[in-house]
N, C-alpha and C. Protein backbone atom coordinates (compact mmCIF):
# COMPACT_ATOMS: atom_id res chain seq x y z
N MET A 1 -2.32 26.33 -15.43
CA MET A 1 -2.51 25.49 -14.55
C MET A 1 -3.51 25.63 -13.76
N PRO A 2 -4.40 24.57 -13.39
CA PRO A 2 -5.80 24.91 -11.90
C PRO A 2 -4.84 25.54 -10.60
N ASP A 3 -6.01 26.08 -10.15
CA ASP A 3 -4.77 26.68 -8.74
C ASP A 3 -4.68 25.74 -7.93
N GLY A 4 -5.53 24.28 -7.94
CA GLY A 4 -5.41 22.93 -6.97
C GLY A 4 -3.96 22.67 -7.50
N GLU A 5 -3.94 22.21 -8.86
CA GLU A 5 -2.64 21.87 -9.34
C GLU A 5 -1.51 22.46 -8.68
N PHE A 6 -1.74 23.97 -8.75
CA PHE A 6 -0.43 24.64 -8.81
C PHE A 6 -0.26 24.81 -7.13
N ARG A 7 -1.26 24.44 -6.18
CA ARG A 7 -0.69 24.71 -4.61
C ARG A 7 -0.12 23.62 -4.44
N THR A 8 -0.13 22.12 -4.90
CA THR A 8 0.09 20.90 -4.72
C THR A 8 1.54 21.08 -5.22
N THR A 9 2.26 22.02 -6.09
CA THR A 9 3.40 21.26 -6.09
C THR A 9 4.53 22.07 -5.10
N PHE A 10 3.70 22.67 -4.43
CA PHE A 10 4.63 23.64 -3.41
C PHE A 10 4.46 23.00 -1.94
N VAL A 11 3.20 22.01 -1.61
CA VAL A 11 3.26 21.38 -0.33
C VAL A 11 3.03 20.09 -0.84
N ARG A 12 4.14 19.37 -1.07
CA ARG A 12 3.30 17.69 -1.00
C ARG A 12 2.82 17.12 -0.31
N GLU A 13 1.94 16.45 -0.35
CA GLU A 13 1.18 15.60 0.74
C GLU A 13 1.33 14.50 1.04
N PRO A 14 1.76 14.18 2.34
CA PRO A 14 2.37 12.89 2.63
C PRO A 14 1.41 11.92 2.34
N SER A 15 1.62 10.46 2.04
CA SER A 15 0.99 9.49 1.49
C SER A 15 0.10 9.21 2.76
N SER A 16 0.15 9.43 3.85
CA SER A 16 -0.62 8.97 5.13
C SER A 16 -1.49 10.31 5.52
N LEU A 17 -1.35 11.44 4.52
CA LEU A 17 -2.69 12.20 5.04
C LEU A 17 -3.53 11.94 3.45
N ARG A 18 -3.47 11.10 3.04
CA ARG A 18 -4.63 11.28 1.66
C ARG A 18 -5.90 10.50 2.11
N HIS A 19 -5.62 9.82 3.43
CA HIS A 19 -7.07 9.22 3.52
C HIS A 19 -7.35 9.76 5.36
N ASN A 20 -8.41 10.03 5.76
CA ASN A 20 -8.74 10.44 7.03
C ASN A 20 -7.56 11.36 7.60
N PRO A 21 -7.25 12.51 7.27
CA PRO A 21 -6.61 13.22 8.01
C PRO A 21 -7.21 14.12 8.95
N ALA A 22 -6.72 14.19 10.27
CA ALA A 22 -7.09 14.84 11.15
C ALA A 22 -6.94 16.46 11.48
N LEU A 23 -7.92 17.44 11.10
CA LEU A 23 -7.65 18.82 11.43
C LEU A 23 -7.10 18.88 12.65
N VAL A 24 -6.11 19.96 12.86
CA VAL A 24 -5.30 20.25 14.16
C VAL A 24 -5.51 21.64 14.44
N LEU A 25 -6.08 21.55 15.91
CA LEU A 25 -6.88 22.98 16.05
C LEU A 25 -5.76 23.23 17.23
N ASN A 26 -5.58 24.57 17.63
CA ASN A 26 -5.13 24.92 18.79
C ASN A 26 -5.68 25.11 20.10
N ALA A 27 -5.39 25.19 21.47
CA ALA A 27 -6.29 25.19 22.28
C ALA A 27 -7.15 26.33 22.32
N ASP A 28 -7.03 27.24 21.33
CA ASP A 28 -8.20 28.56 21.20
C ASP A 28 -8.88 28.23 20.12
N TYR A 29 -9.05 26.69 19.69
CA TYR A 29 -10.18 26.10 18.45
C TYR A 29 -9.68 27.01 17.09
N ARG A 30 -8.36 27.55 17.20
CA ARG A 30 -7.77 27.86 15.89
C ARG A 30 -6.68 26.94 14.88
N PRO A 31 -6.98 26.79 13.70
CA PRO A 31 -5.81 25.81 13.09
C PRO A 31 -4.36 26.42 13.60
N LEU A 32 -3.41 25.59 13.71
CA LEU A 32 -1.94 25.89 14.28
C LEU A 32 -1.24 26.40 12.96
N SER A 33 -1.78 26.21 11.61
CA SER A 33 -1.56 27.13 10.46
C SER A 33 -2.26 26.65 9.35
N TYR A 34 -2.83 27.95 8.63
CA TYR A 34 -3.33 27.35 7.68
C TYR A 34 -2.87 27.11 5.76
N TYR A 35 -1.72 27.35 5.67
CA TYR A 35 -0.81 27.11 4.70
C TYR A 35 0.20 26.85 5.03
N PRO A 36 0.60 25.53 5.23
CA PRO A 36 -0.12 24.46 4.85
C PRO A 36 -1.08 24.08 6.10
N LEU A 37 -1.92 23.46 5.77
CA LEU A 37 -3.29 23.43 6.75
C LEU A 37 -2.83 22.58 7.89
N SER A 38 -3.11 22.92 8.99
CA SER A 38 -2.53 21.75 10.07
C SER A 38 -3.42 20.61 10.19
N LEU A 39 -2.68 19.55 9.86
CA LEU A 39 -2.98 18.12 9.44
C LEU A 39 -2.51 17.26 10.03
N TRP A 40 -3.12 15.91 10.58
CA TRP A 40 -2.38 14.81 11.25
C TRP A 40 -2.52 13.65 10.55
N PRO A 41 -1.89 12.97 10.32
CA PRO A 41 -2.10 11.30 9.37
C PRO A 41 -3.28 11.13 10.69
N TRP A 42 -4.26 9.76 10.34
CA TRP A 42 -5.24 9.60 11.17
C TRP A 42 -4.53 8.88 12.51
N GLN A 43 -3.70 7.99 12.05
CA GLN A 43 -2.98 7.29 13.10
C GLN A 43 -2.05 7.94 14.41
N GLU A 44 -1.65 9.27 14.15
CA GLU A 44 -1.36 10.34 14.97
C GLU A 44 -2.44 10.87 16.07
N ALA A 45 -3.49 11.05 14.72
CA ALA A 45 -4.79 11.81 15.95
C ALA A 45 -5.33 10.79 16.71
N VAL A 46 -5.42 9.37 16.20
CA VAL A 46 -5.75 8.38 17.17
C VAL A 46 -4.55 8.05 18.54
N LYS A 47 -3.67 8.49 18.39
CA LYS A 47 -2.50 8.13 19.14
C LYS A 47 -2.52 9.49 19.99
N ALA A 48 -3.09 10.53 19.88
CA ALA A 48 -2.94 11.75 20.51
C ALA A 48 -3.98 11.35 21.19
N ALA A 49 -5.17 11.36 20.94
CA ALA A 49 -6.58 11.12 21.56
C ALA A 49 -6.39 9.91 22.96
N PHE A 50 -6.10 8.74 22.65
CA PHE A 50 -5.51 7.66 23.42
C PHE A 50 -4.84 8.05 24.33
N LEU A 51 -3.63 9.18 24.03
CA LEU A 51 -2.99 9.17 25.32
C LEU A 51 -3.42 10.81 25.89
N ASP A 52 -4.69 11.17 25.49
CA ASP A 52 -5.38 12.30 26.27
C ASP A 52 -4.89 13.66 25.87
N ARG A 53 -4.14 13.65 24.82
CA ARG A 53 -3.19 15.00 24.35
C ARG A 53 -4.13 15.97 23.79
N VAL A 54 -5.44 15.36 23.27
CA VAL A 54 -6.28 16.31 22.28
C VAL A 54 -7.58 15.84 22.67
N ASP A 55 -8.63 16.62 22.42
CA ASP A 55 -10.00 16.57 22.59
C ASP A 55 -10.38 15.96 20.95
N VAL A 56 -11.34 15.32 20.68
CA VAL A 56 -12.02 15.05 19.57
C VAL A 56 -13.28 15.72 19.19
N LEU A 57 -13.42 16.85 18.28
CA LEU A 57 -14.36 17.39 18.29
C LEU A 57 -15.32 16.76 17.16
N ALA A 58 -14.51 15.96 16.53
CA ALA A 58 -15.55 15.14 15.00
C ALA A 58 -14.65 13.93 14.65
N THR A 59 -15.62 13.27 13.89
CA THR A 59 -15.11 12.05 13.83
C THR A 59 -15.36 11.45 12.38
N TYR A 60 -14.76 10.56 11.64
CA TYR A 60 -15.22 10.08 10.27
C TYR A 60 -16.48 8.76 10.77
N GLU A 61 -16.69 8.21 9.60
CA GLU A 61 -17.33 7.27 10.20
C GLU A 61 -16.57 6.10 10.11
N ASP A 62 -15.28 5.93 9.54
CA ASP A 62 -14.29 4.79 9.81
C ASP A 62 -14.10 4.38 10.86
N VAL A 63 -13.60 3.63 11.50
CA VAL A 63 -12.87 2.80 12.70
C VAL A 63 -11.83 2.05 12.77
N VAL A 64 -11.09 2.20 13.74
CA VAL A 64 -9.92 1.25 14.07
C VAL A 64 -10.34 0.53 15.17
N ARG A 65 -9.73 -0.76 15.23
CA ARG A 65 -10.15 -1.72 16.02
C ARG A 65 -8.73 -2.23 16.42
N SER A 66 -8.70 -2.84 17.95
CA SER A 66 -8.04 -3.38 18.68
C SER A 66 -8.65 -4.51 19.32
N PRO A 67 -7.49 -5.77 19.79
CA PRO A 67 -8.48 -6.76 20.48
C PRO A 67 -9.73 -6.05 21.23
N SER A 68 -9.48 -5.04 21.78
CA SER A 68 -10.36 -4.79 22.83
C SER A 68 -11.04 -3.21 22.72
N THR A 69 -10.79 -2.82 22.09
CA THR A 69 -11.62 -1.30 21.64
C THR A 69 -11.35 -1.02 19.98
N GLU A 70 -12.82 -0.14 19.90
CA GLU A 70 -13.06 0.18 19.02
C GLU A 70 -13.27 1.69 18.79
N ILE A 71 -11.98 2.48 17.68
CA ILE A 71 -12.31 3.77 18.05
C ILE A 71 -12.85 4.72 16.74
N ARG A 72 -13.74 5.13 16.62
CA ARG A 72 -13.62 5.97 15.46
C ARG A 72 -12.68 7.29 14.75
N ILE A 73 -12.13 6.87 13.68
CA ILE A 73 -10.98 7.98 13.52
C ILE A 73 -11.59 9.30 13.47
N PRO A 74 -10.78 10.31 14.24
CA PRO A 74 -10.73 11.68 14.47
C PRO A 74 -10.94 12.14 13.20
N SER A 75 -11.74 13.31 13.12
CA SER A 75 -11.39 14.04 11.97
C SER A 75 -10.90 15.73 12.16
N VAL A 76 -11.34 15.86 13.65
CA VAL A 76 -11.06 17.27 14.00
C VAL A 76 -10.65 17.23 15.47
N VAL A 77 -9.18 17.72 15.97
CA VAL A 77 -8.97 17.40 17.49
C VAL A 77 -8.36 18.79 17.63
N VAL A 78 -8.83 19.26 18.89
CA VAL A 78 -7.96 20.40 19.30
C VAL A 78 -7.04 19.61 20.93
N LEU A 79 -5.88 20.77 20.50
CA LEU A 79 -4.73 20.47 21.53
C LEU A 79 -5.60 20.67 22.72
N ARG A 80 -4.88 20.14 23.97
CA ARG A 80 -5.45 20.55 25.49
C ARG A 80 -4.39 21.47 26.09
N ASP A 81 -3.05 21.39 25.17
CA ASP A 81 -2.07 22.60 25.70
C ASP A 81 -1.98 23.60 24.72
N TYR A 82 -2.08 24.92 25.02
CA TYR A 82 -1.85 25.90 23.77
C TYR A 82 -0.58 25.97 23.63
N VAL A 83 0.13 26.07 22.54
CA VAL A 83 0.91 26.15 21.29
C VAL A 83 0.98 27.49 21.48
N ARG A 84 1.96 28.38 21.47
CA ARG A 84 2.14 29.86 21.58
C ARG A 84 2.99 29.84 20.08
N PRO A 85 1.90 30.75 18.89
CA PRO A 85 2.26 30.69 17.81
C PRO A 85 3.72 31.14 17.49
N VAL A 86 4.48 31.25 16.31
CA VAL A 86 5.81 31.72 16.03
C VAL A 86 5.55 33.17 15.68
N ARG A 87 6.22 34.16 16.51
CA ARG A 87 6.36 35.75 16.66
C ARG A 87 7.02 36.10 15.20
N GLN A 88 7.87 35.22 15.32
CA GLN A 88 9.16 35.75 14.14
C GLN A 88 9.20 34.79 12.82
N VAL A 89 9.18 35.26 11.82
CA VAL A 89 8.51 34.93 10.41
C VAL A 89 10.25 34.16 9.79
N ALA A 90 10.19 32.94 9.76
CA ALA A 90 11.83 32.08 9.18
C ALA A 90 11.71 32.75 7.67
N PHE A 91 12.67 33.00 7.11
CA PHE A 91 13.16 33.67 5.65
C PHE A 91 13.37 32.39 4.77
N THR A 92 12.43 31.80 4.71
CA THR A 92 12.11 30.19 3.65
C THR A 92 11.82 30.91 2.20
N ARG A 93 12.68 29.93 1.47
CA ARG A 93 11.56 29.79 0.00
C ARG A 93 10.11 29.74 0.16
N PHE A 94 9.39 29.22 0.92
CA PHE A 94 8.13 29.06 1.14
C PHE A 94 7.81 30.02 1.59
N ASN A 95 7.74 30.82 2.56
CA ASN A 95 7.23 31.80 3.11
C ASN A 95 7.57 33.14 2.59
N LEU A 96 8.44 33.25 1.76
CA LEU A 96 8.84 33.91 0.67
C LEU A 96 7.44 34.39 -0.55
N PHE A 97 7.49 33.03 -1.02
CA PHE A 97 6.24 32.36 -1.95
C PHE A 97 4.88 33.10 -1.30
N LEU A 98 4.60 32.71 -0.15
CA LEU A 98 3.35 32.77 0.49
C LEU A 98 2.86 34.17 0.51
N ARG A 99 4.36 34.92 1.21
CA ARG A 99 4.19 36.35 1.02
C ARG A 99 3.56 36.88 0.05
N ASP A 100 4.65 36.78 -1.28
CA ASP A 100 4.02 37.11 -2.96
C ASP A 100 3.01 36.68 -3.29
N GLU A 101 2.19 35.64 -2.54
CA GLU A 101 0.66 34.97 -2.90
C GLU A 101 1.14 34.03 -4.00
N PHE A 102 2.18 33.80 -4.38
CA PHE A 102 2.78 32.58 -5.20
C PHE A 102 2.36 33.27 -6.56
N ARG A 103 2.75 34.58 -6.45
CA ARG A 103 2.82 35.59 -8.04
C ARG A 103 4.26 36.03 -8.00
N CYS A 104 4.65 36.14 -9.66
CA CYS A 104 5.64 36.57 -9.97
C CYS A 104 5.62 38.25 -9.49
N GLN A 105 6.29 38.94 -9.03
CA GLN A 105 6.30 40.15 -8.38
C GLN A 105 6.64 41.30 -9.77
N TYR A 106 7.05 40.44 -10.97
CA TYR A 106 7.37 41.41 -12.27
C TYR A 106 5.83 41.43 -13.06
N CYS A 107 5.41 39.83 -13.39
CA CYS A 107 4.52 40.20 -14.36
C CYS A 107 3.21 39.62 -14.04
N GLY A 108 3.03 39.39 -12.67
CA GLY A 108 1.89 38.50 -11.88
C GLY A 108 1.70 37.17 -12.05
N GLY A 109 2.62 36.37 -12.73
CA GLY A 109 2.57 35.16 -13.49
C GLY A 109 2.50 33.99 -12.47
N ARG A 110 2.02 32.76 -12.78
CA ARG A 110 2.24 31.85 -11.54
C ARG A 110 2.88 30.93 -12.13
N GLY A 111 3.39 29.81 -11.44
CA GLY A 111 4.14 28.56 -11.73
C GLY A 111 5.47 29.11 -12.19
N ASP A 112 6.15 27.86 -12.00
CA ASP A 112 7.70 28.04 -12.47
C ASP A 112 8.61 29.19 -11.69
N LEU A 113 7.98 28.87 -10.42
CA LEU A 113 8.49 30.14 -9.75
C LEU A 113 9.90 30.18 -8.86
N THR A 114 10.55 31.11 -8.93
CA THR A 114 12.09 31.31 -8.26
C THR A 114 11.99 32.56 -7.93
N PHE A 115 13.62 32.79 -6.84
CA PHE A 115 13.57 34.04 -6.35
C PHE A 115 14.24 34.73 -6.85
N ASP A 116 14.15 36.36 -6.92
CA ASP A 116 15.17 37.37 -7.69
C ASP A 116 15.77 38.26 -6.54
N HIS A 117 16.53 38.68 -6.48
CA HIS A 117 17.04 39.89 -5.95
C HIS A 117 16.94 40.94 -7.03
N VAL A 118 15.74 42.17 -5.85
CA VAL A 118 15.90 43.25 -6.56
C VAL A 118 16.97 43.98 -7.05
N VAL A 119 17.67 44.37 -6.01
CA VAL A 119 19.00 44.73 -6.09
C VAL A 119 20.06 43.50 -6.42
N PRO A 120 20.41 43.43 -7.48
CA PRO A 120 21.07 42.09 -7.63
C PRO A 120 22.71 42.04 -6.62
N ARG A 121 22.41 40.87 -6.47
CA ARG A 121 24.15 40.61 -5.40
C ARG A 121 25.42 40.83 -6.39
N ALA A 122 25.51 41.39 -7.51
CA ALA A 122 26.47 41.57 -8.15
C ALA A 122 26.49 43.23 -8.11
N ARG A 123 25.54 43.81 -7.60
CA ARG A 123 25.44 45.04 -7.69
C ARG A 123 25.61 45.66 -6.14
N GLY A 124 25.70 44.39 -4.91
CA GLY A 124 25.84 44.85 -3.70
C GLY A 124 24.18 44.51 -3.08
N GLY A 125 23.17 43.82 -3.52
CA GLY A 125 22.17 43.21 -2.74
C GLY A 125 22.42 42.39 -1.76
N VAL A 126 21.94 42.70 -0.86
CA VAL A 126 21.76 41.25 -0.05
C VAL A 126 20.54 39.91 0.04
N THR A 127 20.72 38.92 0.55
CA THR A 127 19.70 38.29 0.44
C THR A 127 18.82 38.64 2.09
N SER A 128 17.61 39.32 1.76
CA SER A 128 16.94 39.58 3.11
C SER A 128 15.34 39.80 2.35
N TRP A 129 14.57 39.76 3.03
CA TRP A 129 13.07 40.10 2.88
C TRP A 129 12.91 41.30 1.98
N GLU A 130 13.90 42.34 2.58
CA GLU A 130 13.57 43.57 1.70
C GLU A 130 14.18 43.88 0.34
N ASN A 131 14.72 42.59 0.01
CA ASN A 131 15.43 42.69 -1.55
C ASN A 131 15.14 41.46 -2.40
N VAL A 132 14.50 40.66 -2.02
CA VAL A 132 13.96 39.40 -2.51
C VAL A 132 12.51 39.07 -2.68
N VAL A 133 12.14 38.96 -3.99
CA VAL A 133 10.83 38.75 -4.03
C VAL A 133 10.98 37.23 -5.03
N ALA A 134 9.45 36.72 -5.18
CA ALA A 134 9.20 35.78 -6.03
C ALA A 134 9.29 36.12 -7.84
N ALA A 135 9.73 35.59 -8.27
CA ALA A 135 9.79 35.80 -9.73
C ALA A 135 9.44 34.28 -10.47
N CYS A 136 8.85 34.79 -11.72
CA CYS A 136 9.20 33.70 -12.61
C CYS A 136 10.45 33.54 -13.25
N GLY A 137 10.27 32.34 -13.70
CA GLY A 137 11.42 31.96 -14.55
C GLY A 137 11.88 33.02 -15.69
N ARG A 138 11.15 33.36 -16.54
CA ARG A 138 11.20 34.44 -17.82
C ARG A 138 11.56 35.34 -17.37
N CYS A 139 10.50 35.92 -16.27
CA CYS A 139 11.40 37.26 -15.45
C CYS A 139 12.70 37.43 -15.15
N ASN A 140 12.97 36.31 -14.31
CA ASN A 140 14.24 36.48 -13.39
C ASN A 140 15.29 36.16 -14.58
N LEU A 141 14.93 35.92 -15.74
CA LEU A 141 16.22 35.74 -16.77
C LEU A 141 15.99 36.60 -17.46
N LYS A 142 15.18 37.51 -18.02
CA LYS A 142 15.34 38.47 -18.68
C LYS A 142 15.91 39.78 -17.82
N LYS A 143 15.47 39.50 -16.24
CA LYS A 143 16.10 40.84 -15.41
C LYS A 143 17.86 40.57 -15.62
N GLY A 144 17.79 39.25 -15.20
CA GLY A 144 19.50 39.17 -14.67
C GLY A 144 19.91 39.77 -13.75
N SER A 145 21.33 40.44 -14.01
CA SER A 145 21.87 41.20 -13.24
C SER A 145 21.56 42.68 -13.06
N ARG A 146 20.83 43.01 -13.68
CA ARG A 146 20.16 44.18 -13.86
C ARG A 146 19.21 45.03 -12.93
N SER A 147 19.05 46.29 -12.80
CA SER A 147 18.49 46.34 -11.92
C SER A 147 16.84 46.86 -12.50
N VAL A 148 15.67 46.85 -11.68
CA VAL A 148 14.31 46.86 -12.29
C VAL A 148 14.40 47.95 -13.27
N ARG A 149 14.90 48.80 -12.96
CA ARG A 149 14.56 50.15 -13.84
C ARG A 149 15.21 49.89 -15.31
N ASP A 150 16.25 49.50 -15.39
CA ASP A 150 17.07 48.95 -16.12
C ASP A 150 16.32 48.40 -17.28
N VAL A 151 15.21 47.38 -16.88
CA VAL A 151 14.78 46.09 -17.48
C VAL A 151 13.41 46.73 -18.07
N GLY A 152 12.91 47.92 -17.24
CA GLY A 152 11.45 48.35 -17.30
C GLY A 152 10.50 47.72 -16.74
N PHE A 153 10.82 46.66 -15.50
CA PHE A 153 9.85 46.33 -14.71
C PHE A 153 9.42 47.19 -13.95
N ALA A 154 8.57 46.88 -13.03
CA ALA A 154 7.69 47.42 -11.79
C ALA A 154 7.32 46.57 -11.17
N LEU A 155 7.57 46.77 -9.44
CA LEU A 155 7.12 45.91 -8.95
C LEU A 155 5.55 45.81 -8.34
N ARG A 156 5.01 44.65 -8.31
CA ARG A 156 3.80 44.46 -7.81
C ARG A 156 3.41 45.21 -6.73
N LYS A 157 4.41 44.81 -5.61
CA LYS A 157 4.36 45.36 -4.13
C LYS A 157 5.76 45.56 -3.54
N PRO A 158 6.12 46.18 -3.00
CA PRO A 158 7.95 46.35 -2.40
C PRO A 158 7.79 45.19 -1.32
N PRO A 159 8.99 44.79 -1.75
CA PRO A 159 9.39 43.29 -0.46
C PRO A 159 9.39 44.02 0.93
N ARG A 160 8.91 43.01 1.59
CA ARG A 160 8.99 43.43 3.48
C ARG A 160 9.04 42.48 4.00
N GLN A 161 9.38 42.59 5.34
CA GLN A 161 9.38 41.48 6.25
C GLN A 161 7.87 41.30 6.49
N PRO A 162 7.39 40.30 6.08
CA PRO A 162 6.03 39.74 6.41
C PRO A 162 5.81 39.62 8.16
N GLY A 163 4.36 39.56 8.70
CA GLY A 163 4.44 39.47 10.42
C GLY A 163 4.16 38.00 10.33
N ALA A 164 3.99 37.52 11.50
CA ALA A 164 3.50 35.92 11.24
C ALA A 164 2.04 35.67 10.92
N GLU A 165 1.39 36.83 11.85
CA GLU A 165 -0.14 36.79 11.58
C GLU A 165 -0.50 37.20 10.43
N GLU A 166 0.34 37.80 9.47
CA GLU A 166 0.11 38.40 7.86
C GLU A 166 0.21 37.12 7.44
N LEU A 167 1.09 36.10 7.57
CA LEU A 167 1.09 34.89 6.84
C LEU A 167 0.45 34.19 7.06
N ARG A 168 -0.39 34.03 8.22
CA ARG A 168 -1.47 32.93 8.44
C ARG A 168 -2.89 33.67 8.00
N ASN A 169 -2.90 34.94 8.06
CA ASN A 169 -4.03 35.20 7.03
C ASN A 169 -4.03 35.02 5.61
N LEU A 170 -2.97 34.98 4.88
CA LEU A 170 -2.52 34.95 3.55
C LEU A 170 -2.98 33.67 3.18
N GLY A 171 -2.51 32.62 4.46
CA GLY A 171 -2.48 30.86 4.02
C GLY A 171 -3.85 31.05 3.96
N ARG A 172 -4.96 31.39 4.45
CA ARG A 172 -6.42 31.32 4.30
C ARG A 172 -6.38 31.53 2.60
N LYS A 173 -6.05 32.15 2.24
CA LYS A 173 -6.49 32.59 0.83
C LYS A 173 -6.29 31.13 -0.46
N PHE A 174 -5.15 29.92 0.52
CA PHE A 174 -5.35 29.12 -0.31
C PHE A 174 -5.83 27.72 0.20
N PRO A 175 -7.14 27.47 0.34
CA PRO A 175 -7.22 26.13 1.11
C PRO A 175 -6.82 25.14 0.10
N PRO A 176 -7.23 24.15 0.60
CA PRO A 176 -6.56 22.89 0.31
C PRO A 176 -7.40 22.30 -0.50
N ASN A 177 -7.20 21.56 -1.37
CA ASN A 177 -8.00 20.67 -2.63
C ASN A 177 -9.05 19.96 -2.01
N HIS A 178 -8.79 19.74 -0.64
CA HIS A 178 -9.94 18.88 0.09
C HIS A 178 -10.17 19.44 1.49
N LEU A 179 -11.73 19.52 1.49
CA LEU A 179 -11.44 20.41 3.00
C LEU A 179 -13.18 19.36 3.18
N HIS A 180 -12.97 18.66 4.44
CA HIS A 180 -13.92 17.89 5.19
C HIS A 180 -15.11 18.58 5.37
N GLU A 181 -16.08 17.99 5.11
CA GLU A 181 -16.93 19.13 6.13
C GLU A 181 -17.03 19.22 7.56
N SER A 182 -16.46 18.36 8.04
CA SER A 182 -16.49 18.63 9.81
C SER A 182 -15.29 19.84 9.84
N TRP A 183 -14.47 19.99 9.26
CA TRP A 183 -13.48 21.30 9.21
C TRP A 183 -13.90 22.48 9.15
N LEU A 184 -15.18 22.81 8.15
CA LEU A 184 -15.59 24.25 7.76
C LEU A 184 -16.13 25.12 9.21
N ASP A 185 -16.56 24.56 10.00
CA ASP A 185 -16.75 25.44 11.10
C ASP A 185 -15.55 25.69 12.19
N PHE A 186 -14.37 25.29 11.62
CA PHE A 186 -13.43 25.74 12.40
C PHE A 186 -12.54 26.49 11.24
N LEU A 187 -12.61 26.58 9.99
CA LEU A 187 -11.61 27.13 8.82
C LEU A 187 -12.19 28.44 8.13
N TYR A 188 -13.55 28.38 7.93
CA TYR A 188 -14.48 29.75 7.55
C TYR A 188 -13.95 30.11 6.15
N TRP A 189 -13.83 29.03 5.57
CA TRP A 189 -13.40 29.30 4.06
C TRP A 189 -14.87 29.10 3.31
N ASP A 190 -15.57 28.07 3.01
CA ASP A 190 -16.64 27.80 2.47
C ASP A 190 -18.01 27.50 3.27
N ALA A 191 -17.66 28.51 4.79
CA ALA A 191 -18.89 27.78 5.43
C ALA A 191 -19.82 29.13 4.93
N GLU A 192 -21.06 28.75 4.71
CA GLU A 192 -22.12 29.81 4.43
C GLU A 192 -22.68 30.31 5.90
N LEU A 193 -22.60 31.60 5.82
CA LEU A 193 -22.77 32.89 6.86
C LEU A 193 -24.29 32.84 7.17
N GLU A 194 -24.95 33.14 8.20
CA GLU A 194 -26.48 33.24 8.44
C GLU A 194 -26.80 34.35 8.50
N ALA A 195 -27.78 34.73 7.90
CA ALA A 195 -27.77 36.69 7.80
C ALA A 195 -28.75 37.09 9.56
């Protein structure tokens, strides 16, 4: 399965983001999140610009019109008020998969991911960052309620609670399928660096 197709199975794109989404930057000119990338539907970006909640840094060629106004659709907006990043990372399936880079922690495979308790719950294992890893269906089924050692598996990396900044940086490894050229100066994914 190609990477782009793989990523979209975890982050479904609302239909309103298919056309002219706006990249949303915090007041420090960094995206609110990298994965999923902080995007607003064009309607939200236009509304926020009209209400002076954002500054428009770049626009699309497309415009929207009212009887008295014509506005170019924003492609990059920056919030006027700084939004403090979350410091505590929520223990969710998505954040767990992101921590493990969407790879089975036993075989390294992608796709058909679920999660597995390293120390099985049947043996007193708890559901926590330190005991749960991403696992493909095949490895999860093979391991069952046995220990990693009993099955002959080895963990790719020990499970631990990630920091918020660590998850933001991991999110940079998974750029969306579409990056508008006006976003590149703010994302640093495919931007060519000058020597």
